[in-house]
Amino acid sequence: VQLQASGGGLVQAGGSLRLSCAVSGIIGSLNNMGWYRQTPGKQRELVATFIGSDRTNYADSVKGRFTISRDNAKHMLYLQMNNLKLEDTAVYYCNGRVPYNWGQGTEVTVSS
């Protein structure tokens, strides 16, 4: 499985970003795929995920602000991030709920 996240950047607090993840090596739908983030010195945190084919789950810290979506035909996973806060600054990765090998993340920096 290969995972390539993109779309990160520098954004002001209150702004929005949309992250994308190209997934290869998985046959069929992107069930049980999600987005993680990591900041220096902290464990990687699962912030949004699909559970099976039709349920989603979000960390409390991003509920109401982040939305996970996917395009199964294109094997793409997305994370729409709105009303970004300083504490959302991190490197974001896509992966399975049971992680595969970690691909390249994309860095999100939220400034005041």
C-alpha atoms as a PDB file:
ATOM      1  CA  VAL A   1       0.000   0.000   0.000  1.00  0.00           C
ATOM      2  CA  GLN A   2       1.264   3.444  -0.901  1.00  0.00           C
ATOM      3  CA  LEU A   3      -0.123   6.601   0.647  1.00  0.00           C
ATOM      4  CA  GLN A   4       0.679  10.136  -0.498  1.00  0.00           C
ATOM      5  CA  ALA A   5      -0.831  13.051   1.366  1.00  0.00           C
ATOM      6  CA  SER A   6      -0.851  16.572  -0.035  1.00  0.00           C
ATOM      7  CA  GLY A   7      -2.560  19.916   0.318  1.00  0.00           C
ATOM      8  CA  GLY A   8      -0.974  21.226   3.474  1.00  0.00           C
ATOM      9  CA  GLY A   9       0.366  24.721   3.865  1.00  0.00           C
ATOM     10  CA  LEU A  10       0.348  27.872   5.913  1.00  0.00           C
ATOM     11  CA  VAL A  11      -3.035  29.299   6.823  1.00  0.00           C
ATOM     12  CA  GLN A  12      -4.304  31.880   9.255  1.00  0.00           C
ATOM     13  CA  ALA A  13      -6.427  30.869  12.189  1.00  0.00           C
ATOM     14  CA  GLY A  14     -10.041  30.634  11.108  1.00  0.00           C
ATOM     15  CA  GLY A  15      -9.074  29.643   7.592  1.00  0.00           C
ATOM     16  CA  SER A  16      -9.602  26.424   5.681  1.00  0.00           C
ATOM     17  CA  LEU A  17      -7.545  23.786   3.929  1.00  0.00           C
ATOM     18  CA  ARG A  18      -8.404  20.644   2.044  1.00  0.00           C
ATOM     19  CA  LEU A  19      -6.014  17.739   2.288  1.00  0.00           C
ATOM     20  CA  SER A  20      -5.876  14.964  -0.278  1.00  0.00           C
ATOM     21  CA  CYS A  21      -4.450  11.469  -0.104  1.00  0.00           C
ATOM     22  CA  ALA A  22      -3.712   9.281  -3.090  1.00  0.00           C
ATOM     23  CA  VAL A  23      -4.083   5.623  -2.137  1.00  0.00           C
ATOM     24  CA  SER A  24      -2.675   2.783  -4.165  1.00  0.00           C
ATOM     25  CA  GLY A  25      -2.489  -0.924  -3.470  1.00  0.00           C
ATOM     26  CA  ILE A  26      -5.938  -1.277  -1.935  1.00  0.00           C
ATOM     27  CA  ILE A  27      -8.567  -3.116  -3.932  1.00  0.00           C
ATOM     28  CA  GLY A  28     -12.104  -1.847  -3.651  1.00  0.00           C
ATOM     29  CA  SER A  29     -13.531   0.883  -1.451  1.00  0.00           C
ATOM     30  CA  LEU A  30     -11.529   2.970   0.994  1.00  0.00           C
ATOM     31  CA  ASN A  31     -13.343   1.670   4.053  1.00  0.00           C
ATOM     32  CA  ASN A  32     -11.659   2.098   7.405  1.00  0.00           C
ATOM     33  CA  MET A  33      -9.281   4.762   6.122  1.00  0.00           C
ATOM     34  CA  GLY A  34      -8.563   7.875   8.078  1.00  0.00           C
ATOM     35  CA  TRP A  35      -6.450  10.889   8.804  1.00  0.00           C
ATOM     36  CA  TYR A  36      -3.858  11.161  11.538  1.00  0.00           C
ATOM     37  CA  ARG A  37      -1.746  14.046  12.711  1.00  0.00           C
ATOM     38  CA  GLN A  38       1.450  14.352  14.661  1.00  0.00           C
ATOM     39  CA  THR A  39       3.297  17.176  16.372  1.00  0.00           C
ATOM     40  CA  PRO A  40       6.856  16.975  17.691  1.00  0.00           C
ATOM     41  CA  GLY A  41       7.101  15.079  20.931  1.00  0.00           C
ATOM     42  CA  LYS A  42       3.549  13.752  20.757  1.00  0.00           C
ATOM     43  CA  GLN A  43       2.027  10.500  19.628  1.00  0.00           C
ATOM     44  CA  ARG A  44       0.305  10.303  16.304  1.00  0.00           C
ATOM     45  CA  GLU A  45      -3.405  11.058  16.748  1.00  0.00           C
ATOM     46  CA  LEU A  46      -6.278   9.701  14.687  1.00  0.00           C
ATOM     47  CA  VAL A  47      -8.465  12.721  13.936  1.00  0.00           C
ATOM     48  CA  ALA A  48     -10.987  11.442  11.386  1.00  0.00           C
ATOM     49  CA  THR A  49     -11.843   8.056  10.008  1.00  0.00           C
ATOM     50  CA  PHE A  50     -14.314   6.014   8.066  1.00  0.00           C
ATOM     51  CA  ILE A  51     -15.663   3.040   9.964  1.00  0.00           C
ATOM     52  CA  GLY A  52     -16.739   0.473   7.444  1.00  0.00           C
ATOM     53  CA  SER A  53     -18.577   1.706   4.418  1.00  0.00           C
ATOM     54  CA  ASP A  54     -20.814   4.431   5.792  1.00  0.00           C
ATOM     55  CA  ARG A  55     -19.879   5.631   9.248  1.00  0.00           C
ATOM     56  CA  THR A  56     -17.401   8.295  10.258  1.00  0.00           C
ATOM     57  CA  ASN A  57     -15.739   9.194  13.513  1.00  0.00           C
ATOM     58  CA  TYR A  58     -13.888  12.309  14.604  1.00  0.00           C
ATOM     59  CA  ALA A  59     -11.677  13.274  17.475  1.00  0.00           C
ATOM     60  CA  ASP A  60     -13.450  15.640  19.845  1.00  0.00           C
ATOM     61  CA  SER A  61     -10.918  18.330  19.055  1.00  0.00           C
ATOM     62  CA  VAL A  62     -11.986  18.513  15.392  1.00  0.00           C
ATOM     63  CA  LYS A  63     -15.689  17.653  15.522  1.00  0.00           C
ATOM     64  CA  GLY A  64     -17.775  20.161  13.645  1.00  0.00           C
ATOM     65  CA  ARG A  65     -14.741  21.614  11.880  1.00  0.00           C
ATOM     66  CA  PHE A  66     -13.205  18.723   9.900  1.00  0.00           C
ATOM     67  CA  THR A  67     -14.951  16.519   7.373  1.00  0.00           C
ATOM     68  CA  ILE A  68     -13.538  13.324   5.911  1.00  0.00           C
ATOM     69  CA  SER A  69     -14.616  12.217   2.451  1.00  0.00           C
ATOM     70  CA  ARG A  70     -13.463   9.868  -0.258  1.00  0.00           C
ATOM     71  CA  ASP A  71     -13.713   9.075  -3.934  1.00  0.00           C
ATOM     72  CA  ASN A  72     -13.539   5.306  -4.188  1.00  0.00           C
ATOM     73  CA  ALA A  73     -13.320   5.353  -7.969  1.00  0.00           C
ATOM     74  CA  LYS A  74     -10.235   7.570  -7.872  1.00  0.00           C
ATOM     75  CA  HIS A  75      -8.849   5.983  -4.697  1.00  0.00           C
ATOM     76  CA  MET A  76      -8.610   9.365  -3.089  1.00  0.00           C
ATOM     77  CA  LEU A  77      -9.216  10.342   0.521  1.00  0.00           C
ATOM     78  CA  TYR A  78      -9.868  13.930   1.576  1.00  0.00           C
ATOM     79  CA  LEU A  79      -9.978  15.999   4.733  1.00  0.00           C
ATOM     80  CA  GLN A  80     -11.764  19.337   4.641  1.00  0.00           C
ATOM     81  CA  MET A  81     -10.545  21.444   7.544  1.00  0.00           C
ATOM     82  CA  ASN A  82     -12.481  24.587   8.434  1.00  0.00           C
ATOM     83  CA  ASN A  83     -12.117  27.137  11.194  1.00  0.00           C
ATOM     84  CA  LEU A  84      -8.536  26.068  11.735  1.00  0.00           C
ATOM     85  CA  LYS A  85      -6.962  26.713  15.120  1.00  0.00           C
ATOM     86  CA  LEU A  86      -3.356  27.135  16.170  1.00  0.00           C
ATOM     87  CA  GLU A  87      -3.468  23.709  17.792  1.00  0.00           C
ATOM     88  CA  ASP A  88      -4.262  22.090  14.458  1.00  0.00           C
ATOM     89  CA  THR A  89      -0.670  22.727  13.402  1.00  0.00           C
ATOM     90  CA  ALA A  90       0.827  19.302  12.689  1.00  0.00           C
ATOM     91  CA  VAL A  91       1.965  16.915  10.006  1.00  0.00           C
ATOM     92  CA  TYR A  92      -1.060  15.102   8.650  1.00  0.00           C
ATOM     93  CA  TYR A  93      -1.007  11.537   7.351  1.00  0.00           C
ATOM     94  CA  CYS A  94      -3.574   9.257   5.817  1.00  0.00           C
ATOM     95  CA  ASN A  95      -3.655   5.586   6.712  1.00  0.00           C
ATOM     96  CA  GLY A  96      -5.897   2.744   7.665  1.00  0.00           C
ATOM     97  CA  ARG A  97      -7.530   2.459  11.074  1.00  0.00           C
ATOM     98  CA  VAL A  98      -5.150  -0.459  11.337  1.00  0.00           C
ATOM     99  CA  PRO A  99      -2.190   1.331   9.811  1.00  0.00           C
ATOM    100  CA  TYR A 100      -0.270   0.173   6.794  1.00  0.00           C
ATOM    101  CA  ASN A 101       3.239   1.468   6.276  1.00  0.00           C
ATOM    102  CA  TRP A 102       3.351   5.217   6.770  1.00  0.00           C
ATOM    103  CA  GLY A 103       3.586   7.346   3.677  1.00  0.00           C
ATOM    104  CA  GLN A 104       4.659  10.928   3.330  1.00  0.00           C
ATOM    105  CA  GLY A 105       2.621  13.360   5.362  1.00  0.00           C
ATOM    106  CA  THR A 106       1.683  16.916   4.585  1.00  0.00           C
ATOM    107  CA  GLU A 107       2.462  19.784   6.912  1.00  0.00           C
ATOM    108  CA  VAL A 108      -0.222  22.154   8.125  1.00  0.00           C
ATOM    109  CA  THR A 109       0.784  25.337   9.908  1.00  0.00           C
ATOM    110  CA  VAL A 110      -1.860  27.596  11.397  1.00  0.00           C
ATOM    111  CA  SER A 111      -0.739  31.106  12.280  1.00  0.00           C
ATOM    112  CA  SER A 112      -2.376  33.760  14.416  1.00  0.00           C
END
